[in-house]
Amino acid sequence: MVTKGLLVTVTAKPGKESDVASFLESALPLAQDEPDTTAWFAIKIDDSTYGVFDVFPSDEGRQTHLNGPIAAALMAKADELFSSPPDIKPIDVLAAKL
């Protein structure tokens, strides 16, 4: 069962929209290698807003993810791809169907 999650949103710099989409898509294998990442989604919200929604069984799994390679890559690319820093919101999962 999942109880914790993250909702991360980013806004692409003008002209970087396809680069942001490609970057997020390329993170899928990294998420697949994380045993406590129960579900992981890269999403497009509108023409310039993208995000990641992922869920975990515990705070420990969420923290491991935040200290892992996806978060590191996200922060390393932030200045190049995003018009502002990523908005990272920890969330609690009230109910889920996986």
PDB file of N, CA and C in Angstrom:
ATOM      1  N   MET A   1       0.840  -1.193   0.000  1.00  0.00           N
ATOM      2  CA  MET A   1       0.000   0.000   0.000  1.00  0.00           C
ATOM      3  C   MET A   1       0.875   1.242   0.000  1.00  0.00           C
ATOM      4  N   VAL A   2       0.444   2.235  -0.724  1.00  0.00           N
ATOM      5  CA  VAL A   2       1.178   3.501  -0.761  1.00  0.00           C
ATOM      6  C   VAL A   2       0.527   4.484   0.202  1.00  0.00           C
ATOM      7  N   THR A   3       1.363   5.238   0.897  1.00  0.00           N
ATOM      8  CA  THR A   3       0.859   6.222   1.846  1.00  0.00           C
ATOM      9  C   THR A   3       1.461   7.599   1.639  1.00  0.00           C
ATOM     10  N   LYS A   4       2.552   7.674   0.913  1.00  0.00           N
ATOM     11  CA  LYS A   4       3.268   8.936   0.704  1.00  0.00           C
ATOM     12  C   LYS A   4       3.489   9.164  -0.774  1.00  0.00           C
ATOM     13  N   GLY A   5       3.654  10.414  -1.155  1.00  0.00           N
ATOM     14  CA  GLY A   5       3.899  10.730  -2.546  1.00  0.00           C
ATOM     15  C   GLY A   5       4.620  12.035  -2.716  1.00  0.00           C
ATOM     16  N   LEU A   6       4.874  12.353  -3.959  1.00  0.00           N
ATOM     17  CA  LEU A   6       5.450  13.636  -4.343  1.00  0.00           C
ATOM     18  C   LEU A   6       4.708  14.146  -5.566  1.00  0.00           C
ATOM     19  N   LEU A   7       4.453  15.432  -5.578  1.00  0.00           N
ATOM     20  CA  LEU A   7       3.926  16.098  -6.753  1.00  0.00           C
ATOM     21  C   LEU A   7       4.920  17.197  -7.097  1.00  0.00           C
ATOM     22  N   VAL A   8       5.598  17.025  -8.202  1.00  0.00           N
ATOM     23  CA  VAL A   8       6.637  17.965  -8.628  1.00  0.00           C
ATOM     24  C   VAL A   8       6.179  18.619  -9.916  1.00  0.00           C
ATOM     25  N   THR A   9       6.207  19.946  -9.952  1.00  0.00           N
ATOM     26  CA  THR A   9       5.877  20.647 -11.190  1.00  0.00           C
ATOM     27  C   THR A   9       7.033  21.549 -11.580  1.00  0.00           C
ATOM     28  N   VAL A  10       7.208  21.671 -12.895  1.00  0.00           N
ATOM     29  CA  VAL A  10       8.250  22.532 -13.454  1.00  0.00           C
ATOM     30  C   VAL A  10       7.655  23.293 -14.625  1.00  0.00           C
ATOM     31  N   THR A  11       8.191  24.476 -14.860  1.00  0.00           N
ATOM     32  CA  THR A  11       7.779  25.277 -16.003  1.00  0.00           C
ATOM     33  C   THR A  11       8.975  25.395 -16.939  1.00  0.00           C
ATOM     34  N   ALA A  12       8.773  24.959 -18.176  1.00  0.00           N
ATOM     35  CA  ALA A  12       9.848  24.995 -19.164  1.00  0.00           C
ATOM     36  C   ALA A  12      10.157  26.426 -19.572  1.00  0.00           C
ATOM     37  N   LYS A  13      11.439  26.699 -19.779  1.00  0.00           N
ATOM     38  CA  LYS A  13      11.826  27.967 -20.388  1.00  0.00           C
ATOM     39  C   LYS A  13      11.277  27.977 -21.815  1.00  0.00           C
ATOM     40  N   PRO A  14      10.951  29.152 -22.343  1.00  0.00           N
ATOM     41  CA  PRO A  14      10.461  29.215 -23.728  1.00  0.00           C
ATOM     42  C   PRO A  14      11.455  28.531 -24.681  1.00  0.00           C
ATOM     43  N   GLY A  15      10.917  27.674 -25.528  1.00  0.00           N
ATOM     44  CA  GLY A  15      11.733  26.949 -26.484  1.00  0.00           C
ATOM     45  C   GLY A  15      12.336  25.667 -25.942  1.00  0.00           C
ATOM     46  N   LYS A  16      12.183  25.406 -24.659  1.00  0.00           N
ATOM     47  CA  LYS A  16      12.762  24.208 -24.032  1.00  0.00           C
ATOM     48  C   LYS A  16      11.708  23.140 -23.733  1.00  0.00           C
ATOM     49  N   GLU A  17      10.490  23.332 -24.194  1.00  0.00           N
ATOM     50  CA  GLU A  17       9.403  22.415 -23.862  1.00  0.00           C
ATOM     51  C   GLU A  17       9.708  20.968 -24.266  1.00  0.00           C
ATOM     52  N   SER A  18      10.178  20.759 -25.478  1.00  0.00           N
ATOM     53  CA  SER A  18      10.451  19.382 -25.911  1.00  0.00           C
ATOM     54  C   SER A  18      11.644  18.799 -25.159  1.00  0.00           C
ATOM     55  N   ASP A  19      12.594  19.642 -24.773  1.00  0.00           N
ATOM     56  CA  ASP A  19      13.737  19.172 -23.982  1.00  0.00           C
ATOM     57  C   ASP A  19      13.284  18.720 -22.595  1.00  0.00           C
ATOM     58  N   VAL A  20      12.341  19.457 -22.004  1.00  0.00           N
ATOM     59  CA  VAL A  20      11.813  19.074 -20.691  1.00  0.00           C
ATOM     60  C   VAL A  20      11.073  17.746 -20.801  1.00  0.00           C
ATOM     61  N   ALA A  21      10.236  17.614 -21.814  1.00  0.00           N
ATOM     62  CA  ALA A  21       9.496  16.359 -22.002  1.00  0.00           C
ATOM     63  C   ALA A  21      10.459  15.186 -22.188  1.00  0.00           C
ATOM     64  N   SER A  22      11.461  15.357 -23.008  1.00  0.00           N
ATOM     65  CA  SER A  22      12.444  14.291 -23.236  1.00  0.00           C
ATOM     66  C   SER A  22      13.221  13.958 -21.974  1.00  0.00           C
ATOM     67  N   PHE A  23      13.588  14.981 -21.230  1.00  0.00           N
ATOM     68  CA  PHE A  23      14.312  14.776 -19.976  1.00  0.00           C
ATOM     69  C   PHE A  23      13.473  13.943 -19.007  1.00  0.00           C
ATOM     70  N   LEU A  24      12.209  14.314 -18.837  1.00  0.00           N
ATOM     71  CA  LEU A  24      11.347  13.566 -17.918  1.00  0.00           C
ATOM     72  C   LEU A  24      11.140  12.135 -18.393  1.00  0.00           C
ATOM     73  N   GLU A  25      10.926  11.950 -19.682  1.00  0.00           N
ATOM     74  CA  GLU A  25      10.753  10.604 -20.220  1.00  0.00           C
ATOM     75  C   GLU A  25      12.000   9.755 -19.976  1.00  0.00           C
ATOM     76  N   SER A  26      13.169  10.366 -20.055  1.00  0.00           N
ATOM     77  CA  SER A  26      14.419   9.619 -19.894  1.00  0.00           C
ATOM     78  C   SER A  26      14.645   9.149 -18.459  1.00  0.00           C
ATOM     79  N   ALA A  27      13.893   9.677 -17.507  1.00  0.00           N
ATOM     80  CA  ALA A  27      14.049   9.289 -16.103  1.00  0.00           C
ATOM     81  C   ALA A  27      13.327   7.982 -15.765  1.00  0.00           C
ATOM     82  N   LEU A  28      12.495   7.483 -16.663  1.00  0.00           N
ATOM     83  CA  LEU A  28      11.727   6.267 -16.369  1.00  0.00           C
ATOM     84  C   LEU A  28      12.600   5.080 -15.940  1.00  0.00           C
ATOM     85  N   PRO A  29      13.687   4.763 -16.623  1.00  0.00           N
ATOM     86  CA  PRO A  29      14.510   3.629 -16.176  1.00  0.00           C
ATOM     87  C   PRO A  29      15.066   3.819 -14.758  1.00  0.00           C
ATOM     88  N   LEU A  30      15.367   5.057 -14.398  1.00  0.00           N
ATOM     89  CA  LEU A  30      15.853   5.326 -13.039  1.00  0.00           C
ATOM     90  C   LEU A  30      14.761   5.033 -12.014  1.00  0.00           C
ATOM     91  N   ALA A  31      13.533   5.441 -12.326  1.00  0.00           N
ATOM     92  CA  ALA A  31      12.409   5.167 -11.420  1.00  0.00           C
ATOM     93  C   ALA A  31      12.158   3.667 -11.318  1.00  0.00           C
ATOM     94  N   GLN A  32      12.299   2.964 -12.433  1.00  0.00           N
ATOM     95  CA  GLN A  32      12.087   1.523 -12.424  1.00  0.00           C
ATOM     96  C   GLN A  32      13.110   0.800 -11.549  1.00  0.00           C
ATOM     97  N   ASP A  33      14.272   1.390 -11.363  1.00  0.00           N
ATOM     98  CA  ASP A  33      15.322   0.791 -10.531  1.00  0.00           C
ATOM     99  C   ASP A  33      15.147   1.070  -9.038  1.00  0.00           C
ATOM    100  N   GLU A  34      14.171   1.875  -8.672  1.00  0.00           N
ATOM    101  CA  GLU A  34      13.946   2.211  -7.260  1.00  0.00           C
ATOM    102  C   GLU A  34      12.884   1.280  -6.675  1.00  0.00           C
ATOM    103  N   PRO A  35      13.269   0.380  -5.795  1.00  0.00           N
ATOM    104  CA  PRO A  35      12.295  -0.591  -5.284  1.00  0.00           C
ATOM    105  C   PRO A  35      11.142   0.025  -4.494  1.00  0.00           C
ATOM    106  N   ASP A  36      11.353   1.161  -3.845  1.00  0.00           N
ATOM    107  CA  ASP A  36      10.279   1.775  -3.054  1.00  0.00           C
ATOM    108  C   ASP A  36       9.448   2.785  -3.840  1.00  0.00           C
ATOM    109  N   THR A  37       9.767   2.994  -5.103  1.00  0.00           N
ATOM    110  CA  THR A  37       8.926   3.841  -5.944  1.00  0.00           C
ATOM    111  C   THR A  37       7.868   2.929  -6.554  1.00  0.00           C
ATOM    112  N   THR A  38       6.691   2.937  -5.944  1.00  0.00           N
ATOM    113  CA  THR A  38       5.617   2.019  -6.333  1.00  0.00           C
ATOM    114  C   THR A  38       5.013   2.398  -7.675  1.00  0.00           C
ATOM    115  N   ALA A  39       4.813   3.685  -7.889  1.00  0.00           N
ATOM    116  CA  ALA A  39       4.290   4.186  -9.170  1.00  0.00           C
ATOM    117  C   ALA A  39       4.950   5.524  -9.448  1.00  0.00           C
ATOM    118  N   TRP A  40       5.245   5.773 -10.722  1.00  0.00           N
ATOM    119  CA  TRP A  40       5.940   6.996 -11.129  1.00  0.00           C
ATOM    120  C   TRP A  40       5.361   7.436 -12.460  1.00  0.00           C
ATOM    121  N   PHE A  41       4.990   8.707 -12.550  1.00  0.00           N
ATOM    122  CA  PHE A  41       4.391   9.249 -13.762  1.00  0.00           C
ATOM    123  C   PHE A  41       5.064  10.563 -14.124  1.00  0.00           C
ATOM    124  N   ALA A  42       5.517  10.701 -15.358  1.00  0.00           N
ATOM    125  CA  ALA A  42       5.930  11.992 -15.907  1.00  0.00           C
ATOM    126  C   ALA A  42       4.704  12.536 -16.634  1.00  0.00           C
ATOM    127  N   ILE A  43       4.364  13.789 -16.386  1.00  0.00           N
ATOM    128  CA  ILE A  43       3.113  14.342 -16.909  1.00  0.00           C
ATOM    129  C   ILE A  43       3.324  15.690 -17.596  1.00  0.00           C
ATOM    130  N   LYS A  44       2.435  16.002 -18.517  1.00  0.00           N
ATOM    131  CA  LYS A  44       2.373  17.320 -19.143  1.00  0.00           C
ATOM    132  C   LYS A  44       1.058  17.942 -18.725  1.00  0.00           C
ATOM    133  N   ILE A  45       1.130  19.113 -18.123  1.00  0.00           N
ATOM    134  CA  ILE A  45      -0.060  19.771 -17.602  1.00  0.00           C
ATOM    135  C   ILE A  45      -0.625  20.767 -18.618  1.00  0.00           C
ATOM    136  N   ASP A  46       0.246  21.540 -19.230  1.00  0.00           N
ATOM    137  CA  ASP A  46      -0.144  22.435 -20.319  1.00  0.00           C
ATOM    138  C   ASP A  46       1.075  22.641 -21.207  1.00  0.00           C
ATOM    139  N   ASP A  47       1.050  23.619 -22.106  1.00  0.00           N
ATOM    140  CA  ASP A  47       2.123  23.766 -23.087  1.00  0.00           C
ATOM    141  C   ASP A  47       3.506  23.969 -22.477  1.00  0.00           C
ATOM    142  N   SER A  48       3.580  24.530 -21.281  1.00  0.00           N
ATOM    143  CA  SER A  48       4.897  24.778 -20.682  1.00  0.00           C
ATOM    144  C   SER A  48       5.072  24.172 -19.291  1.00  0.00           C
ATOM    145  N   THR A  49       4.026  23.578 -18.739  1.00  0.00           N
ATOM    146  CA  THR A  49       4.089  23.030 -17.387  1.00  0.00           C
ATOM    147  C   THR A  49       4.104  21.511 -17.439  1.00  0.00           C
ATOM    148  N   TYR A  50       5.084  20.950 -16.772  1.00  0.00           N
ATOM    149  CA  TYR A  50       5.289  19.498 -16.736  1.00  0.00           C
ATOM    150  C   TYR A  50       5.431  19.072 -15.286  1.00  0.00           C
ATOM    151  N   GLY A  51       5.430  17.783 -15.067  1.00  0.00           N
ATOM    152  CA  GLY A  51       5.586  17.350 -13.697  1.00  0.00           C
ATOM    153  C   GLY A  51       5.872  15.876 -13.566  1.00  0.00           C
ATOM    154  N   VAL A  52       6.035  15.493 -12.312  1.00  0.00           N
ATOM    155  CA  VAL A  52       6.205  14.105 -11.923  1.00  0.00           C
ATOM    156  C   VAL A  52       5.298  13.866 -10.732  1.00  0.00           C
ATOM    157  N   PHE A  53       4.576  12.763 -10.780  1.00  0.00           N
ATOM    158  CA  PHE A  53       3.778  12.306  -9.647  1.00  0.00           C
ATOM    159  C   PHE A  53       4.254  10.905  -9.339  1.00  0.00           C
ATOM    160  N   ASP A  54       4.653  10.670  -8.096  1.00  0.00           N
ATOM    161  CA  ASP A  54       5.093   9.343  -7.715  1.00  0.00           C
ATOM    162  C   ASP A  54       4.653   9.023  -6.299  1.00  0.00           C
ATOM    163  N   VAL A  55       4.561   7.720  -6.006  1.00  0.00           N
ATOM    164  CA  VAL A  55       4.063   7.280  -4.705  1.00  0.00           C
ATOM    165  C   VAL A  55       4.968   6.196  -4.127  1.00  0.00           C
ATOM    166  N   PHE A  56       4.919   6.111  -2.785  1.00  0.00           N
ATOM    167  CA  PHE A  56       5.825   5.273  -2.023  1.00  0.00           C
ATOM    168  C   PHE A  56       5.077   4.643  -0.847  1.00  0.00           C
ATOM    169  N   PRO A  57       5.582   3.530  -0.326  1.00  0.00           N
ATOM    170  CA  PRO A  57       4.921   2.900   0.812  1.00  0.00           C
ATOM    171  C   PRO A  57       5.192   3.609   2.146  1.00  0.00           C
ATOM    172  N   SER A  58       6.208   4.487   2.173  1.00  0.00           N
ATOM    173  CA  SER A  58       6.590   5.094   3.456  1.00  0.00           C
ATOM    174  C   SER A  58       7.366   6.387   3.233  1.00  0.00           C
ATOM    175  N   ASP A  59       7.562   7.120   4.334  1.00  0.00           N
ATOM    176  CA  ASP A  59       8.418   8.309   4.291  1.00  0.00           C
ATOM    177  C   ASP A  59       9.834   7.936   3.888  1.00  0.00           C
ATOM    178  N   GLU A  60      10.295   6.777   4.363  1.00  0.00           N
ATOM    179  CA  GLU A  60      11.660   6.345   4.051  1.00  0.00           C
ATOM    180  C   GLU A  60      11.850   6.172   2.543  1.00  0.00           C
ATOM    181  N   GLY A  61      10.891   5.549   1.882  1.00  0.00           N
ATOM    182  CA  GLY A  61      10.966   5.380   0.434  1.00  0.00           C
ATOM    183  C   GLY A  61      10.952   6.706  -0.298  1.00  0.00           C
ATOM    184  N   ARG A  62      10.120   7.615   0.176  1.00  0.00           N
ATOM    185  CA  ARG A  62      10.063   8.952  -0.437  1.00  0.00           C
ATOM    186  C   ARG A  62      11.394   9.669  -0.261  1.00  0.00           C
ATOM    187  N   GLN A  63      11.973   9.588   0.926  1.00  0.00           N
ATOM    188  CA  GLN A  63      13.240  10.267   1.186  1.00  0.00           C
ATOM    189  C   GLN A  63      14.367   9.659   0.364  1.00  0.00           C
ATOM    190  N   THR A  64      14.361   8.348   0.221  1.00  0.00           N
ATOM    191  CA  THR A  64      15.365   7.688  -0.617  1.00  0.00           C
ATOM    192  C   THR A  64      15.270   8.203  -2.049  1.00  0.00           C
ATOM    193  N   HIS A  65      14.044   8.359  -2.545  1.00  0.00           N
ATOM    194  CA  HIS A  65      13.835   8.886  -3.893  1.00  0.00           C
ATOM    195  C   HIS A  65      14.351  10.322  -3.996  1.00  0.00           C
ATOM    196  N   LEU A  66      14.044  11.143  -3.004  1.00  0.00           N
ATOM    197  CA  LEU A  66      14.488  12.534  -3.024  1.00  0.00           C
ATOM    198  C   LEU A  66      16.010  12.663  -2.981  1.00  0.00           C
ATOM    199  N   ASN A  67      16.672  11.673  -2.435  1.00  0.00           N
ATOM    200  CA  ASN A  67      18.138  11.674  -2.369  1.00  0.00           C
ATOM    201  C   ASN A  67      18.762  10.901  -3.529  1.00  0.00           C
ATOM    202  N   GLY A  68      17.951  10.453  -4.480  1.00  0.00           N
ATOM    203  CA  GLY A  68      18.422   9.582  -5.537  1.00  0.00           C
ATOM    204  C   GLY A  68      18.783  10.294  -6.832  1.00  0.00           C
ATOM    205  N   PRO A  69      19.026   9.502  -7.872  1.00  0.00           N
ATOM    206  CA  PRO A  69      19.520  10.051  -9.136  1.00  0.00           C
ATOM    207  C   PRO A  69      18.519  10.904  -9.918  1.00  0.00           C
ATOM    208  N   ILE A  70      17.229  10.630  -9.789  1.00  0.00           N
ATOM    209  CA  ILE A  70      16.253  11.448 -10.529  1.00  0.00           C
ATOM    210  C   ILE A  70      16.245  12.872  -9.979  1.00  0.00           C
ATOM    211  N   ALA A  71      16.181  12.992  -8.661  1.00  0.00           N
ATOM    212  CA  ALA A  71      16.179  14.329  -8.051  1.00  0.00           C
ATOM    213  C   ALA A  71      17.479  15.066  -8.354  1.00  0.00           C
ATOM    214  N   ALA A  72      18.599  14.351  -8.315  1.00  0.00           N
ATOM    215  CA  ALA A  72      19.892  14.975  -8.613  1.00  0.00           C
ATOM    216  C   ALA A  72      19.917  15.491 -10.051  1.00  0.00           C
ATOM    217  N   ALA A  73      19.428  14.688 -10.984  1.00  0.00           N
ATOM    218  CA  ALA A  73      19.399  15.104 -12.384  1.00  0.00           C
ATOM    219  C   ALA A  73      18.462  16.288 -12.586  1.00  0.00           C
ATOM    220  N   LEU A  74      17.314  16.264 -11.900  1.00  0.00           N
ATOM    221  CA  LEU A  74      16.352  17.357 -11.997  1.00  0.00           C
ATOM    222  C   LEU A  74      16.994  18.674 -11.560  1.00  0.00           C
ATOM    223  N   MET A  75      17.683  18.643 -10.444  1.00  0.00           N
ATOM    224  CA  MET A  75      18.307  19.867  -9.939  1.00  0.00           C
ATOM    225  C   MET A  75      19.486  20.296 -10.818  1.00  0.00           C
ATOM    226  N   ALA A  76      20.209  19.339 -11.386  1.00  0.00           N
ATOM    227  CA  ALA A  76      21.342  19.667 -12.253  1.00  0.00           C
ATOM    228  C   ALA A  76      20.890  20.349 -13.542  1.00  0.00           C
ATOM    229  N   LYS A  77      19.704  20.013 -14.027  1.00  0.00           N
ATOM    230  CA  LYS A  77      19.180  20.578 -15.273  1.00  0.00           C
ATOM    231  C   LYS A  77      18.285  21.799 -15.057  1.00  0.00           C
ATOM    232  N   ALA A  78      18.011  22.137 -13.813  1.00  0.00           N
ATOM    233  CA  ALA A  78      17.024  23.181 -13.506  1.00  0.00           C
ATOM    234  C   ALA A  78      17.340  24.506 -14.193  1.00  0.00           C
ATOM    235  N   ASP A  79      18.561  24.997 -14.077  1.00  0.00           N
ATOM    236  CA  ASP A  79      18.898  26.301 -14.661  1.00  0.00           C
ATOM    237  C   ASP A  79      18.788  26.293 -16.183  1.00  0.00           C
ATOM    238  N   GLU A  80      19.109  25.165 -16.792  1.00  0.00           N
ATOM    239  CA  GLU A  80      19.097  25.059 -18.249  1.00  0.00           C
ATOM    240  C   GLU A  80      17.678  24.961 -18.815  1.00  0.00           C
ATOM    241  N   LEU A  81      16.804  24.206 -18.113  1.00  0.00           N
ATOM    242  CA  LEU A  81      15.507  23.869 -18.687  1.00  0.00           C
ATOM    243  C   LEU A  81      14.305  24.618 -18.127  1.00  0.00           C
ATOM    244  N   PHE A  82      14.372  25.046 -16.870  1.00  0.00           N
ATOM    245  CA  PHE A  82      13.180  25.556 -16.189  1.00  0.00           C
ATOM    246  C   PHE A  82      13.256  27.057 -15.950  1.00  0.00           C
ATOM    247  N   SER A  83      12.111  27.722 -16.033  1.00  0.00           N
ATOM    248  CA  SER A  83      12.065  29.166 -15.815  1.00  0.00           C
ATOM    249  C   SER A  83      12.074  29.540 -14.331  1.00  0.00           C
ATOM    250  N   SER A  84      11.843  28.556 -13.466  1.00  0.00           N
ATOM    251  CA  SER A  84      11.911  28.755 -12.015  1.00  0.00           C
ATOM    252  C   SER A  84      12.272  27.404 -11.398  1.00  0.00           C
ATOM    253  N   PRO A  85      12.686  27.404 -10.137  1.00  0.00           N
ATOM    254  CA  PRO A  85      13.045  26.124  -9.515  1.00  0.00           C
ATOM    255  C   PRO A  85      11.858  25.159  -9.490  1.00  0.00           C
ATOM    256  N   PRO A  86      12.126  23.858  -9.529  1.00  0.00           N
ATOM    257  CA  PRO A  86      11.038  22.874  -9.429  1.00  0.00           C
ATOM    258  C   PRO A  86      10.243  23.077  -8.139  1.00  0.00           C
ATOM    259  N   ASP A  87       8.938  22.916  -8.243  1.00  0.00           N
ATOM    260  CA  ASP A  87       8.048  22.990  -7.081  1.00  0.00           C
ATOM    261  C   ASP A  87       7.811  21.560  -6.610  1.00  0.00           C
ATOM    262  N   ILE A  88       8.424  21.201  -5.486  1.00  0.00           N
ATOM    263  CA  ILE A  88       8.374  19.831  -4.982  1.00  0.00           C
ATOM    264  C   ILE A  88       7.487  19.799  -3.741  1.00  0.00           C
ATOM    265  N   LYS A  89       6.352  19.120  -3.868  1.00  0.00           N
ATOM    266  CA  LYS A  89       5.395  19.047  -2.765  1.00  0.00           C
ATOM    267  C   LYS A  89       5.278  17.610  -2.270  1.00  0.00           C
ATOM    268  N   PRO A  90       5.643  17.354  -1.010  1.00  0.00           N
ATOM    269  CA  PRO A  90       5.348  16.038  -0.447  1.00  0.00           C
ATOM    270  C   PRO A  90       3.846  15.950  -0.177  1.00  0.00           C
ATOM    271  N   ILE A  91       3.267  14.804  -0.462  1.00  0.00           N
ATOM    272  CA  ILE A  91       1.830  14.623  -0.271  1.00  0.00           C
ATOM    273  C   ILE A  91       1.563  13.326   0.485  1.00  0.00           C
ATOM    274  N   ASP A  92       0.408  13.253   1.104  1.00  0.00           N
ATOM    275  CA  ASP A  92      -0.071  12.029   1.725  1.00  0.00           C
ATOM    276  C   ASP A  92      -1.125  11.418   0.814  1.00  0.00           C
ATOM    277  N   VAL A  93      -1.053  10.115   0.607  1.00  0.00           N
ATOM    278  CA  VAL A  93      -2.026   9.412  -0.220  1.00  0.00           C
ATOM    279  C   VAL A  93      -3.168   8.951   0.678  1.00  0.00           C
ATOM    280  N   LEU A  94      -4.375   9.376   0.371  1.00  0.00           N
ATOM    281  CA  LEU A  94      -5.552   9.006   1.163  1.00  0.00           C
ATOM    282  C   LEU A  94      -6.159   7.682   0.699  1.00  0.00           C
ATOM    283  N   ALA A  95      -6.120   7.435  -0.604  1.00  0.00           N
ATOM    284  CA  ALA A  95      -6.647   6.193  -1.168  1.00  0.00           C
ATOM    285  C   ALA A  95      -5.965   5.986  -2.517  1.00  0.00           C
ATOM    286  N   ALA A  96      -5.839   4.733  -2.911  1.00  0.00           N
ATOM    287  CA  ALA A  96      -5.162   4.454  -4.192  1.00  0.00           C
ATOM    288  C   ALA A  96      -5.706   3.177  -4.810  1.00  0.00           C
ATOM    289  N   LYS A  97      -5.689   3.142  -6.128  1.00  0.00           N
ATOM    290  CA  LYS A  97      -5.943   1.923  -6.894  1.00  0.00           C
ATOM    291  C   LYS A  97      -4.770   1.777  -7.845  1.00  0.00           C
ATOM    292  N   LEU A  98      -4.009   0.726  -7.657  1.00  0.00           N
ATOM    293  CA  LEU A  98      -2.825   0.509  -8.489  1.00  0.00           C
ATOM    294  C   LEU A  98      -2.981  -0.760  -9.297  1.00  0.00           C
TER     295      LEU A  98
END
